[in-house]
Amino acid sequence: MRSGVSEALEAMLEAMGEPLATRLRVAPGGREAVSRALEAAASLRGVAPAPLDFARHLGAQLVKAEDPALALERLHARDLALALACATRLPGADARFEVEVLQRMRVPLSRIHPSPAFADEVLQTLRANLLMPRAEEPLRLLGYAGVGSLVQWVNMVGVRLALRLRKAQGAASQVDAEVLAACPAPGGLELSVIREDARAHVRAAFVNAVASLDDEDRELLRLHFVERLSLEKMGALYDLHKSTLSRRLSGVQETLEKRTRRLLSERLALREAELESLVRTLHGRLDLSLSGLLGGRE
C-alpha cells in the first residue's frame, strides 16, 4: 500500500503542476491525507475509479483551491470518486449516484412543490444536466471539487433548477422600474426622503443593480424578503446552516448596495458627499425595496 500511495501522490502532484506541487509536497500530513483519500475512494466497491485516475482527477481539482493542503485535508474523497466514476461511465456508477444522491433530493423538492410529478421532472432534468455529455464542454458533474458533500452540491443545483421551473417565467433577470413605481411604501423604495430630481435615477439604478445579480442570488433575496422565509426554513430548503445563509445574504445585499452606488455615480453628477448621502438614505431600506421589486412578478 505504501508504494501505491507514493505512486498516487506523484500522479496527483504531476496533475497539479508547479509551483503548487512543490508546496504540497512539503506540507505536513500530505502523504497521510492522500492515503485517506485513496481508502475512501476505494470504499466505492464495484464502481471505484482506478487509483491513479482518481489521483490525477484529485490533483486537477486541488489546483482550483485557494489552499490545496487544507482542501485535501477536508476532502469528501468518496463523493469525488463517485462523481468521477459517473463522468467516466464506469458500470454501476449511475445507479449508485441515483440511490445515494438524486433520490435524496425528493425531500427538499417537496418543500418547493408537493407534486411527485414535479420532483420527477426536476430529477430528470438534473440527470440530463449532470450526467449527459455536452458539446465541446466537460461533463457538468466534473465541476464538483469535493468541497462539501456531493449531496449538498447537487442539492444546490437542483433547488435552483426547481425554483426556476416553479416560477416558469421567460426572463427572470429582466426587472421593470415600473414595478417599484407601482409599489409605494412599505412595499417599495422610500423615495420621499430623496430630492425629487434624483428619485427616478435612484429607482433606475436600484432596478438595474437587482437585474445584474445572478439567478441564484435573486432567488435567495426573493425567498427571504418577499416570501418571508426564515433562515431556518431556507436552510432546510438548501441543506445549509442558517449562519452560512446569513453570510450569503449579507454578501448579496452588500453587492447590491455597491452596484447601486456605482450606477448612481454614472447617472448623477454629484459631489462625493452628496452621493454618500444618497447611499446612506438607501442603506437599511433595501428590504422594503426588494419586497416591492422582486414581489412584483411571479
C-alpha atoms as a PDB file:
ATOM      1  CA  MET A   1       0.000   0.000   0.000  1.00  0.00           C
ATOM      2  CA  ARG A   2       2.896   2.327   0.799  1.00  0.00           C
ATOM      3  CA  SER A   3       4.211   2.165  -2.799  1.00  0.00           C
ATOM      4  CA  GLY A   4       0.681   2.612  -4.127  1.00  0.00           C
ATOM      5  CA  VAL A   5       0.236   5.785  -2.079  1.00  0.00           C
ATOM      6  CA  SER A   6       3.579   7.132  -3.289  1.00  0.00           C
ATOM      7  CA  GLU A   7       2.643   6.494  -6.904  1.00  0.00           C
ATOM      8  CA  ALA A   8      -0.772   8.102  -6.444  1.00  0.00           C
ATOM      9  CA  LEU A   9       0.791  11.092  -4.674  1.00  0.00           C
ATOM     10  CA  GLU A  10       3.179  11.643  -7.569  1.00  0.00           C
ATOM     11  CA  ALA A  11       0.337  11.353 -10.088  1.00  0.00           C
ATOM     12  CA  MET A  12      -1.652  13.922  -8.143  1.00  0.00           C
ATOM     13  CA  LEU A  13       1.280  16.317  -7.891  1.00  0.00           C
ATOM     14  CA  GLU A  14       2.034  15.961 -11.586  1.00  0.00           C
ATOM     15  CA  ALA A  15      -1.566  16.868 -12.399  1.00  0.00           C
ATOM     16  CA  MET A  16      -1.274  19.948 -10.191  1.00  0.00           C
ATOM     17  CA  GLY A  17       1.862  21.296 -11.817  1.00  0.00           C
ATOM     18  CA  GLU A  18       4.339  23.726 -10.338  1.00  0.00           C
ATOM     19  CA  PRO A  19       4.603  25.624  -8.022  1.00  0.00           C
ATOM     20  CA  LEU A  20       1.615  24.113  -6.198  1.00  0.00           C
ATOM     21  CA  ALA A  21       3.089  20.616  -6.364  1.00  0.00           C
ATOM     22  CA  THR A  22       6.251  21.705  -4.549  1.00  0.00           C
ATOM     23  CA  ARG A  23       4.244  23.464  -1.842  1.00  0.00           C
ATOM     24  CA  LEU A  24       2.014  20.466  -1.272  1.00  0.00           C
ATOM     25  CA  ARG A  25       4.921  18.004  -1.383  1.00  0.00           C
ATOM     26  CA  VAL A  26       6.447  19.582   1.733  1.00  0.00           C
ATOM     27  CA  ALA A  27       3.136  20.207   3.502  1.00  0.00           C
ATOM     28  CA  PRO A  28       2.910  18.201   6.746  1.00  0.00           C
ATOM     29  CA  GLY A  29       0.486  15.318   6.584  1.00  0.00           C
ATOM     30  CA  GLY A  30       0.188  15.377   2.807  1.00  0.00           C
ATOM     31  CA  ARG A  31       1.028  11.728   2.254  1.00  0.00           C
ATOM     32  CA  GLU A  32      -1.371  10.658   5.030  1.00  0.00           C
ATOM     33  CA  ALA A  33      -4.167  12.773   3.533  1.00  0.00           C
ATOM     34  CA  VAL A  34      -3.648  11.175   0.118  1.00  0.00           C
ATOM     35  CA  SER A  35      -3.702   7.723   1.725  1.00  0.00           C
ATOM     36  CA  ARG A  36      -7.030   8.508   3.429  1.00  0.00           C
ATOM     37  CA  ALA A  37      -8.449   9.826   0.163  1.00  0.00           C
ATOM     38  CA  LEU A  38      -7.471   6.649  -1.682  1.00  0.00           C
ATOM     39  CA  GLU A  39      -9.028   4.468   1.002  1.00  0.00           C
ATOM     40  CA  ALA A  40     -12.250   6.488   0.881  1.00  0.00           C
ATOM     41  CA  ALA A  41     -12.383   6.254  -2.919  1.00  0.00           C
ATOM     42  CA  ALA A  42     -11.762   2.506  -2.787  1.00  0.00           C
ATOM     43  CA  SER A  43     -14.760   2.110  -0.449  1.00  0.00           C
ATOM     44  CA  LEU A  44     -16.949   2.549  -3.547  1.00  0.00           C
ATOM     45  CA  ARG A  45     -16.643  -1.175  -4.056  1.00  0.00           C
ATOM     46  CA  GLY A  46     -17.591  -2.218  -7.557  1.00  0.00           C
ATOM     47  CA  VAL A  47     -17.653   1.298  -9.027  1.00  0.00           C
ATOM     48  CA  ALA A  48     -14.429   2.865  -7.679  1.00  0.00           C
ATOM     49  CA  PRO A  49     -12.228   4.521 -10.306  1.00  0.00           C
ATOM     50  CA  ALA A  50      -8.649   3.307 -10.713  1.00  0.00           C
ATOM     51  CA  PRO A  51      -6.406   4.817  -8.002  1.00  0.00           C
ATOM     52  CA  LEU A  52      -4.153   6.672 -10.445  1.00  0.00           C
ATOM     53  CA  ASP A  53      -7.125   8.043 -12.383  1.00  0.00           C
ATOM     54  CA  PHE A  54      -8.615   9.274  -9.127  1.00  0.00           C
ATOM     55  CA  ALA A  55      -5.292  10.796  -8.042  1.00  0.00           C
ATOM     56  CA  ARG A  56      -4.941  12.733 -11.315  1.00  0.00           C
ATOM     57  CA  HIS A  57      -8.522  13.962 -11.048  1.00  0.00           C
ATOM     58  CA  LEU A  58      -7.905  14.991  -7.456  1.00  0.00           C
ATOM     59  CA  GLY A  59      -4.841  16.957  -8.490  1.00  0.00           C
ATOM     60  CA  ALA A  60      -6.820  18.784 -11.173  1.00  0.00           C
ATOM     61  CA  GLN A  61      -9.411  19.785  -8.546  1.00  0.00           C
ATOM     62  CA  LEU A  62      -6.856  20.884  -5.951  1.00  0.00           C
ATOM     63  CA  VAL A  63      -5.382  23.339  -8.450  1.00  0.00           C
ATOM     64  CA  LYS A  64      -8.615  25.331  -8.158  1.00  0.00           C
ATOM     65  CA  ALA A  65      -8.473  25.552  -4.349  1.00  0.00           C
ATOM     66  CA  GLU A  66      -7.197  28.630  -2.536  1.00  0.00           C
ATOM     67  CA  ASP A  67      -5.396  26.381  -0.052  1.00  0.00           C
ATOM     68  CA  PRO A  68      -4.753  22.945  -1.649  1.00  0.00           C
ATOM     69  CA  ALA A  69      -3.390  21.432   1.560  1.00  0.00           C
ATOM     70  CA  LEU A  70      -6.494  22.439   3.514  1.00  0.00           C
ATOM     71  CA  ALA A  71      -8.763  21.301   0.680  1.00  0.00           C
ATOM     72  CA  LEU A  72      -7.039  17.905   0.677  1.00  0.00           C
ATOM     73  CA  GLU A  73      -7.442  17.620   4.439  1.00  0.00           C
ATOM     74  CA  ARG A  74     -11.179  18.390   4.253  1.00  0.00           C
ATOM     75  CA  LEU A  75     -11.835  16.490   1.039  1.00  0.00           C
ATOM     76  CA  HIS A  76     -15.024  14.457   0.565  1.00  0.00           C
ATOM     77  CA  ALA A  77     -12.981  11.836  -1.264  1.00  0.00           C
ATOM     78  CA  ARG A  78     -15.632   9.141  -1.647  1.00  0.00           C
ATOM     79  CA  ASP A  79     -18.035  11.674  -3.153  1.00  0.00           C
ATOM     80  CA  LEU A  80     -15.346  12.945  -5.520  1.00  0.00           C
ATOM     81  CA  ALA A  81     -14.638   9.373  -6.601  1.00  0.00           C
ATOM     82  CA  LEU A  82     -18.347   8.742  -7.242  1.00  0.00           C
ATOM     83  CA  ALA A  83     -18.575  11.878  -9.395  1.00  0.00           C
ATOM     84  CA  LEU A  84     -15.529  10.751 -11.380  1.00  0.00           C
ATOM     85  CA  ALA A  85     -16.955   7.232 -11.758  1.00  0.00           C
ATOM     86  CA  CYS A  86     -20.164   8.679 -13.217  1.00  0.00           C
ATOM     87  CA  ALA A  87     -18.276  11.045 -15.505  1.00  0.00           C
ATOM     88  CA  THR A  88     -16.125   8.221 -16.885  1.00  0.00           C
ATOM     89  CA  ARG A  89     -19.175   5.968 -17.319  1.00  0.00           C
ATOM     90  CA  LEU A  90     -17.977   3.169 -15.033  1.00  0.00           C
ATOM     91  CA  PRO A  91     -20.582   0.383 -14.897  1.00  0.00           C
ATOM     92  CA  GLY A  92     -22.925   0.782 -11.945  1.00  0.00           C
ATOM     93  CA  ALA A  93     -21.855   4.330 -11.113  1.00  0.00           C
ATOM     94  CA  ASP A  94     -25.035   5.999 -12.386  1.00  0.00           C
ATOM     95  CA  ALA A  95     -27.181   3.593 -10.349  1.00  0.00           C
ATOM     96  CA  ARG A  96     -25.167   4.370  -7.198  1.00  0.00           C
ATOM     97  CA  PHE A  97     -25.497   8.106  -7.903  1.00  0.00           C
ATOM     98  CA  GLU A  98     -29.252   7.677  -8.338  1.00  0.00           C
ATOM     99  CA  VAL A  99     -29.698   5.970  -4.975  1.00  0.00           C
ATOM    100  CA  GLU A 100     -27.192   7.899  -2.871  1.00  0.00           C
ATOM    101  CA  VAL A 101     -27.700  11.382  -4.304  1.00  0.00           C
ATOM    102  CA  LEU A 102     -30.597  12.030  -6.666  1.00  0.00           C
ATOM    103  CA  GLN A 103     -33.345  10.264  -4.732  1.00  0.00           C
ATOM    104  CA  ARG A 104     -32.391  12.199  -1.608  1.00  0.00           C
ATOM    105  CA  MET A 105     -33.441  15.333  -3.497  1.00  0.00           C
ATOM    106  CA  ARG A 106     -37.116  14.406  -3.207  1.00  0.00           C
ATOM    107  CA  VAL A 107     -37.490  15.827   0.304  1.00  0.00           C
ATOM    108  CA  PRO A 108     -36.181  19.353  -0.453  1.00  0.00           C
ATOM    109  CA  LEU A 109     -38.042  19.333  -3.782  1.00  0.00           C
ATOM    110  CA  SER A 110     -41.296  18.561  -1.979  1.00  0.00           C
ATOM    111  CA  ARG A 111     -40.831  21.776   0.006  1.00  0.00           C
ATOM    112  CA  ILE A 112     -40.842  23.708  -3.255  1.00  0.00           C
ATOM    113  CA  HIS A 113     -43.761  21.841  -4.842  1.00  0.00           C
ATOM    114  CA  PRO A 114     -45.674  18.910  -3.286  1.00  0.00           C
ATOM    115  CA  SER A 115     -46.368  17.110  -6.564  1.00  0.00           C
ATOM    116  CA  PRO A 116     -44.296  13.916  -7.153  1.00  0.00           C
ATOM    117  CA  ALA A 117     -44.561  14.675 -10.877  1.00  0.00           C
ATOM    118  CA  PHE A 118     -42.758  17.980 -10.270  1.00  0.00           C
ATOM    119  CA  ALA A 119     -39.931  16.158  -8.470  1.00  0.00           C
ATOM    120  CA  ASP A 120     -39.749  13.640 -11.313  1.00  0.00           C
ATOM    121  CA  GLU A 121     -39.388  16.460 -13.832  1.00  0.00           C
ATOM    122  CA  VAL A 122     -36.630  18.157 -11.846  1.00  0.00           C
ATOM    123  CA  LEU A 123     -34.739  14.902 -11.319  1.00  0.00           C
ATOM    124  CA  GLN A 124     -34.959  14.001 -14.984  1.00  0.00           C
ATOM    125  CA  THR A 125     -33.573  17.399 -15.934  1.00  0.00           C
ATOM    126  CA  LEU A 126     -30.825  17.007 -13.339  1.00  0.00           C
ATOM    127  CA  ARG A 127     -29.818  13.642 -14.798  1.00  0.00           C
ATOM    128  CA  ALA A 128     -29.516  15.199 -18.221  1.00  0.00           C
ATOM    129  CA  ASN A 129     -27.673  18.284 -16.957  1.00  0.00           C
ATOM    130  CA  LEU A 130     -25.191  16.444 -14.760  1.00  0.00           C
ATOM    131  CA  LEU A 131     -24.648  13.099 -16.472  1.00  0.00           C
ATOM    132  CA  MET A 132     -25.125  13.657 -20.199  1.00  0.00           C
ATOM    133  CA  PRO A 133     -22.172  14.808 -22.338  1.00  0.00           C
ATOM    134  CA  ARG A 134     -22.289  18.404 -23.603  1.00  0.00           C
ATOM    135  CA  ALA A 135     -20.907  19.570 -26.934  1.00  0.00           C
ATOM    136  CA  GLU A 136     -17.311  20.785 -26.540  1.00  0.00           C
ATOM    137  CA  GLU A 137     -17.751  21.148 -22.770  1.00  0.00           C
ATOM    138  CA  PRO A 138     -16.751  18.891 -19.880  1.00  0.00           C
ATOM    139  CA  LEU A 139     -19.462  16.952 -18.106  1.00  0.00           C
ATOM    140  CA  ARG A 140     -21.028  19.254 -15.541  1.00  0.00           C
ATOM    141  CA  LEU A 141     -20.577  16.725 -12.751  1.00  0.00           C
ATOM    142  CA  LEU A 142     -16.827  17.176 -13.185  1.00  0.00           C
ATOM    143  CA  GLY A 143     -17.317  20.651 -11.718  1.00  0.00           C
ATOM    144  CA  TYR A 144     -17.763  19.071  -8.287  1.00  0.00           C
ATOM    145  CA  ALA A 145     -14.440  19.501  -6.488  1.00  0.00           C
ATOM    146  CA  GLY A 146     -15.033  17.549  -3.285  1.00  0.00           C
ATOM    147  CA  VAL A 147     -15.665  20.698  -1.228  1.00  0.00           C
ATOM    148  CA  GLY A 148     -18.733  19.858   0.822  1.00  0.00           C
ATOM    149  CA  SER A 149     -20.731  16.711   0.233  1.00  0.00           C
ATOM    150  CA  LEU A 150     -21.868  15.670  -3.232  1.00  0.00           C
ATOM    151  CA  VAL A 151     -25.465  15.552  -1.944  1.00  0.00           C
ATOM    152  CA  GLN A 152     -25.209  19.198  -0.865  1.00  0.00           C
ATOM    153  CA  TRP A 153     -23.636  20.260  -4.177  1.00  0.00           C
ATOM    154  CA  VAL A 154     -26.346  18.525  -6.228  1.00  0.00           C
ATOM    155  CA  ASN A 155     -28.987  19.865  -3.847  1.00  0.00           C
ATOM    156  CA  MET A 156     -27.929  23.446  -4.590  1.00  0.00           C
ATOM    157  CA  VAL A 157     -28.078  22.795  -8.329  1.00  0.00           C
ATOM    158  CA  GLY A 158     -31.424  21.029  -8.022  1.00  0.00           C
ATOM    159  CA  VAL A 159     -33.099  23.628  -5.832  1.00  0.00           C
ATOM    160  CA  ARG A 160     -32.020  26.386  -8.209  1.00  0.00           C
ATOM    161  CA  LEU A 161     -33.455  24.427 -11.130  1.00  0.00           C
ATOM    162  CA  ALA A 162     -36.688  23.679  -9.260  1.00  0.00           C
ATOM    163  CA  LEU A 163     -37.216  27.321  -8.364  1.00  0.00           C
ATOM    164  CA  ARG A 164     -36.771  28.306 -11.996  1.00  0.00           C
ATOM    165  CA  LEU A 165     -39.267  25.679 -13.106  1.00  0.00           C
ATOM    166  CA  ARG A 166     -41.765  26.743 -10.473  1.00  0.00           C
ATOM    167  CA  LYS A 167     -41.578  30.359 -11.464  1.00  0.00           C
ATOM    168  CA  ALA A 168     -41.984  29.364 -15.118  1.00  0.00           C
ATOM    169  CA  GLN A 169     -41.343  32.831 -16.447  1.00  0.00           C
ATOM    170  CA  GLY A 170     -39.419  33.753 -19.523  1.00  0.00           C
ATOM    171  CA  ALA A 171     -36.729  36.189 -18.458  1.00  0.00           C
ATOM    172  CA  ALA A 172     -36.097  36.051 -14.736  1.00  0.00           C
ATOM    173  CA  SER A 173     -33.307  38.595 -14.936  1.00  0.00           C
ATOM    174  CA  GLN A 174     -35.497  41.241 -16.545  1.00  0.00           C
ATOM    175  CA  VAL A 175     -36.960  43.633 -13.977  1.00  0.00           C
ATOM    176  CA  ASP A 176     -39.076  46.692 -14.633  1.00  0.00           C
ATOM    177  CA  ALA A 177     -38.702  50.068 -12.944  1.00  0.00           C
ATOM    178  CA  GLU A 178     -42.481  50.442 -13.070  1.00  0.00           C
ATOM    179  CA  VAL A 179     -42.763  47.602 -10.560  1.00  0.00           C
ATOM    180  CA  LEU A 180     -41.185  49.865  -7.982  1.00  0.00           C
ATOM    181  CA  ALA A 181     -43.215  52.858  -9.090  1.00  0.00           C
ATOM    182  CA  ALA A 182     -46.421  50.864  -8.574  1.00  0.00           C
ATOM    183  CA  CYS A 183     -45.410  49.690  -5.104  1.00  0.00           C
ATOM    184  CA  PRO A 184     -45.428  52.614  -2.676  1.00  0.00           C
ATOM    185  CA  ALA A 185     -44.002  52.254   0.813  1.00  0.00           C
ATOM    186  CA  PRO A 186     -43.902  49.974   2.704  1.00  0.00           C
ATOM    187  CA  GLY A 187     -43.628  47.745  -0.372  1.00  0.00           C
ATOM    188  CA  GLY A 188     -41.368  49.916  -2.484  1.00  0.00           C
ATOM    189  CA  LEU A 189     -38.330  52.137  -2.365  1.00  0.00           C
ATOM    190  CA  GLU A 190     -38.847  55.028   0.044  1.00  0.00           C
ATOM    191  CA  LEU A 191     -38.124  57.869  -2.355  1.00  0.00           C
ATOM    192  CA  SER A 192     -39.958  60.549  -0.406  1.00  0.00           C
ATOM    193  CA  VAL A 193     -36.808  61.244   1.576  1.00  0.00           C
ATOM    194  CA  ILE A 194     -34.801  61.782  -1.613  1.00  0.00           C
ATOM    195  CA  ARG A 195     -34.944  65.024  -3.506  1.00  0.00           C
ATOM    196  CA  GLU A 196     -37.405  64.904  -6.355  1.00  0.00           C
ATOM    197  CA  ASP A 197     -35.000  65.327  -9.269  1.00  0.00           C
ATOM    198  CA  ALA A 198     -32.942  62.316  -8.095  1.00  0.00           C
ATOM    199  CA  ARG A 199     -35.769  59.866  -7.447  1.00  0.00           C
ATOM    200  CA  ALA A 200     -36.034  58.438 -10.969  1.00  0.00           C
ATOM    201  CA  HIS A 201     -32.278  57.940 -11.115  1.00  0.00           C
ATOM    202  CA  VAL A 202     -32.189  56.195  -7.742  1.00  0.00           C
ATOM    203  CA  ARG A 203     -35.040  53.908  -8.727  1.00  0.00           C
ATOM    204  CA  ALA A 204     -33.495  53.033 -12.098  1.00  0.00           C
ATOM    205  CA  ALA A 205     -30.076  52.409 -10.555  1.00  0.00           C
ATOM    206  CA  PHE A 206     -31.555  50.086  -7.954  1.00  0.00           C
ATOM    207  CA  VAL A 207     -33.620  48.181 -10.540  1.00  0.00           C
ATOM    208  CA  ASN A 208     -30.582  47.710 -12.788  1.00  0.00           C
ATOM    209  CA  ALA A 209     -28.478  46.594  -9.833  1.00  0.00           C
ATOM    210  CA  VAL A 210     -31.026  43.897  -8.960  1.00  0.00           C
ATOM    211  CA  ALA A 211     -31.160  42.840 -12.615  1.00  0.00           C
ATOM    212  CA  SER A 212     -27.372  42.402 -12.628  1.00  0.00           C
ATOM    213  CA  LEU A 213     -27.477  39.743  -9.895  1.00  0.00           C
ATOM    214  CA  ASP A 214     -27.394  36.120 -10.976  1.00  0.00           C
ATOM    215  CA  ASP A 215     -30.497  33.932 -10.735  1.00  0.00           C
ATOM    216  CA  GLU A 216     -29.438  32.207  -7.525  1.00  0.00           C
ATOM    217  CA  ASP A 217     -28.741  35.441  -5.657  1.00  0.00           C
ATOM    218  CA  ARG A 218     -32.060  36.925  -6.753  1.00  0.00           C
ATOM    219  CA  GLU A 219     -33.843  33.769  -5.610  1.00  0.00           C
ATOM    220  CA  LEU A 220     -32.233  33.983  -2.177  1.00  0.00           C
ATOM    221  CA  LEU A 221     -33.368  37.604  -1.854  1.00  0.00           C
ATOM    222  CA  ARG A 222     -36.868  36.818  -3.080  1.00  0.00           C
ATOM    223  CA  LEU A 223     -37.337  33.880  -0.723  1.00  0.00           C
ATOM    224  CA  HIS A 224     -36.155  35.911   2.272  1.00  0.00           C
ATOM    225  CA  PHE A 225     -37.612  39.363   1.591  1.00  0.00           C
ATOM    226  CA  VAL A 226     -40.700  38.595  -0.492  1.00  0.00           C
ATOM    227  CA  GLU A 227     -41.829  35.165   0.675  1.00  0.00           C
ATOM    228  CA  ARG A 228     -40.535  35.978   4.166  1.00  0.00           C
ATOM    229  CA  LEU A 229     -38.918  32.588   4.682  1.00  0.00           C
ATOM    230  CA  SER A 230     -36.802  32.388   7.819  1.00  0.00           C
ATOM    231  CA  LEU A 231     -33.146  31.436   7.649  1.00  0.00           C
ATOM    232  CA  GLU A 232     -34.077  28.118   9.280  1.00  0.00           C
ATOM    233  CA  LYS A 233     -36.606  27.298   6.548  1.00  0.00           C
ATOM    234  CA  MET A 234     -34.240  28.407   3.811  1.00  0.00           C
ATOM    235  CA  GLY A 235     -31.516  26.285   5.387  1.00  0.00           C
ATOM    236  CA  ALA A 236     -33.779  23.244   5.203  1.00  0.00           C
ATOM    237  CA  LEU A 237     -34.524  24.053   1.569  1.00  0.00           C
ATOM    238  CA  TYR A 238     -30.879  24.411   0.555  1.00  0.00           C
ATOM    239  CA  ASP A 239     -29.432  21.957   3.102  1.00  0.00           C
ATOM    240  CA  LEU A 240     -27.254  24.712   4.549  1.00  0.00           C
ATOM    241  CA  HIS A 241     -26.762  26.032   8.086  1.00  0.00           C
ATOM    242  CA  LYS A 242     -28.560  29.311   8.764  1.00  0.00           C
ATOM    243  CA  SER A 243     -25.264  31.062   9.589  1.00  0.00           C
ATOM    244  CA  THR A 244     -23.962  30.189   6.114  1.00  0.00           C
ATOM    245  CA  LEU A 245     -27.114  31.578   4.527  1.00  0.00           C
ATOM    246  CA  SER A 246     -26.923  34.701   6.678  1.00  0.00           C
ATOM    247  CA  ARG A 247     -23.400  35.411   5.434  1.00  0.00           C
ATOM    248  CA  ARG A 248     -24.511  34.755   1.858  1.00  0.00           C
ATOM    249  CA  LEU A 249     -27.478  37.130   2.134  1.00  0.00           C
ATOM    250  CA  SER A 250     -25.326  39.829   3.713  1.00  0.00           C
ATOM    251  CA  GLY A 251     -22.841  39.483   0.870  1.00  0.00           C
ATOM    252  CA  VAL A 252     -25.557  39.779  -1.781  1.00  0.00           C
ATOM    253  CA  GLN A 253     -27.024  42.866  -0.103  1.00  0.00           C
ATOM    254  CA  GLU A 254     -23.582  44.448   0.082  1.00  0.00           C
ATOM    255  CA  THR A 255     -23.068  43.735  -3.628  1.00  0.00           C
ATOM    256  CA  LEU A 256     -26.467  45.268  -4.364  1.00  0.00           C
ATOM    257  CA  GLU A 257     -25.604  48.460  -2.491  1.00  0.00           C
ATOM    258  CA  LYS A 258     -22.221  48.759  -4.203  1.00  0.00           C
ATOM    259  CA  ARG A 259     -23.716  48.299  -7.671  1.00  0.00           C
ATOM    260  CA  THR A 260     -26.499  50.766  -6.941  1.00  0.00           C
ATOM    261  CA  ARG A 261     -23.900  53.286  -5.799  1.00  0.00           C
ATOM    262  CA  ARG A 262     -21.791  52.762  -8.927  1.00  0.00           C
ATOM    263  CA  LEU A 263     -24.793  53.165 -11.218  1.00  0.00           C
ATOM    264  CA  LEU A 264     -25.861  56.298  -9.358  1.00  0.00           C
ATOM    265  CA  SER A 265     -22.405  57.789  -9.775  1.00  0.00           C
ATOM    266  CA  GLU A 266     -22.668  57.146 -13.522  1.00  0.00           C
ATOM    267  CA  ARG A 267     -26.123  58.726 -13.742  1.00  0.00           C
ATOM    268  CA  LEU A 268     -25.762  61.762 -11.490  1.00  0.00           C
ATOM    269  CA  ALA A 269     -23.136  64.481 -11.478  1.00  0.00           C
ATOM    270  CA  LEU A 270     -22.855  64.675  -7.712  1.00  0.00           C
ATOM    271  CA  ARG A 271     -20.113  65.588  -5.344  1.00  0.00           C
ATOM    272  CA  GLU A 272     -18.816  62.661  -3.327  1.00  0.00           C
ATOM    273  CA  ALA A 273     -20.563  63.918  -0.184  1.00  0.00           C
ATOM    274  CA  GLU A 274     -23.912  64.125  -1.982  1.00  0.00           C
ATOM    275  CA  LEU A 275     -23.507  60.628  -3.418  1.00  0.00           C
ATOM    276  CA  GLU A 276     -22.650  59.238   0.001  1.00  0.00           C
ATOM    277  CA  SER A 277     -25.750  60.937   1.406  1.00  0.00           C
ATOM    278  CA  LEU A 278     -27.941  59.186  -1.156  1.00  0.00           C
ATOM    279  CA  VAL A 279     -26.330  55.841  -0.438  1.00  0.00           C
ATOM    280  CA  ARG A 280     -26.886  56.317   3.305  1.00  0.00           C
ATOM    281  CA  THR A 281     -30.538  57.057   2.563  1.00  0.00           C
ATOM    282  CA  LEU A 282     -30.849  53.745   0.752  1.00  0.00           C
ATOM    283  CA  HIS A 283     -28.947  51.767   3.392  1.00  0.00           C
ATOM    284  CA  GLY A 284     -31.300  49.867   5.649  1.00  0.00           C
ATOM    285  CA  ARG A 285     -34.236  50.251   3.287  1.00  0.00           C
ATOM    286  CA  LEU A 286     -33.198  47.541   0.862  1.00  0.00           C
ATOM    287  CA  ASP A 287     -35.539  45.033   2.490  1.00  0.00           C
ATOM    288  CA  LEU A 288     -38.521  47.248   1.688  1.00  0.00           C
ATOM    289  CA  SER A 289     -37.237  47.932  -1.799  1.00  0.00           C
ATOM    290  CA  LEU A 290     -36.676  44.262  -2.552  1.00  0.00           C
ATOM    291  CA  SER A 291     -40.149  43.398  -1.342  1.00  0.00           C
ATOM    292  CA  GLY A 292     -41.630  45.727  -3.927  1.00  0.00           C
ATOM    293  CA  LEU A 293     -39.291  44.848  -6.768  1.00  0.00           C
ATOM    294  CA  LEU A 294     -38.931  41.083  -6.508  1.00  0.00           C
ATOM    295  CA  GLY A 295     -42.531  40.572  -5.457  1.00  0.00           C
ATOM    296  CA  GLY A 296     -43.912  42.415  -8.446  1.00  0.00           C
ATOM    297  CA  ARG A 297     -43.821  39.421 -10.765  1.00  0.00           C
ATOM    298  CA  GLU A 298     -44.373  35.755 -10.234  1.00  0.00           C
END
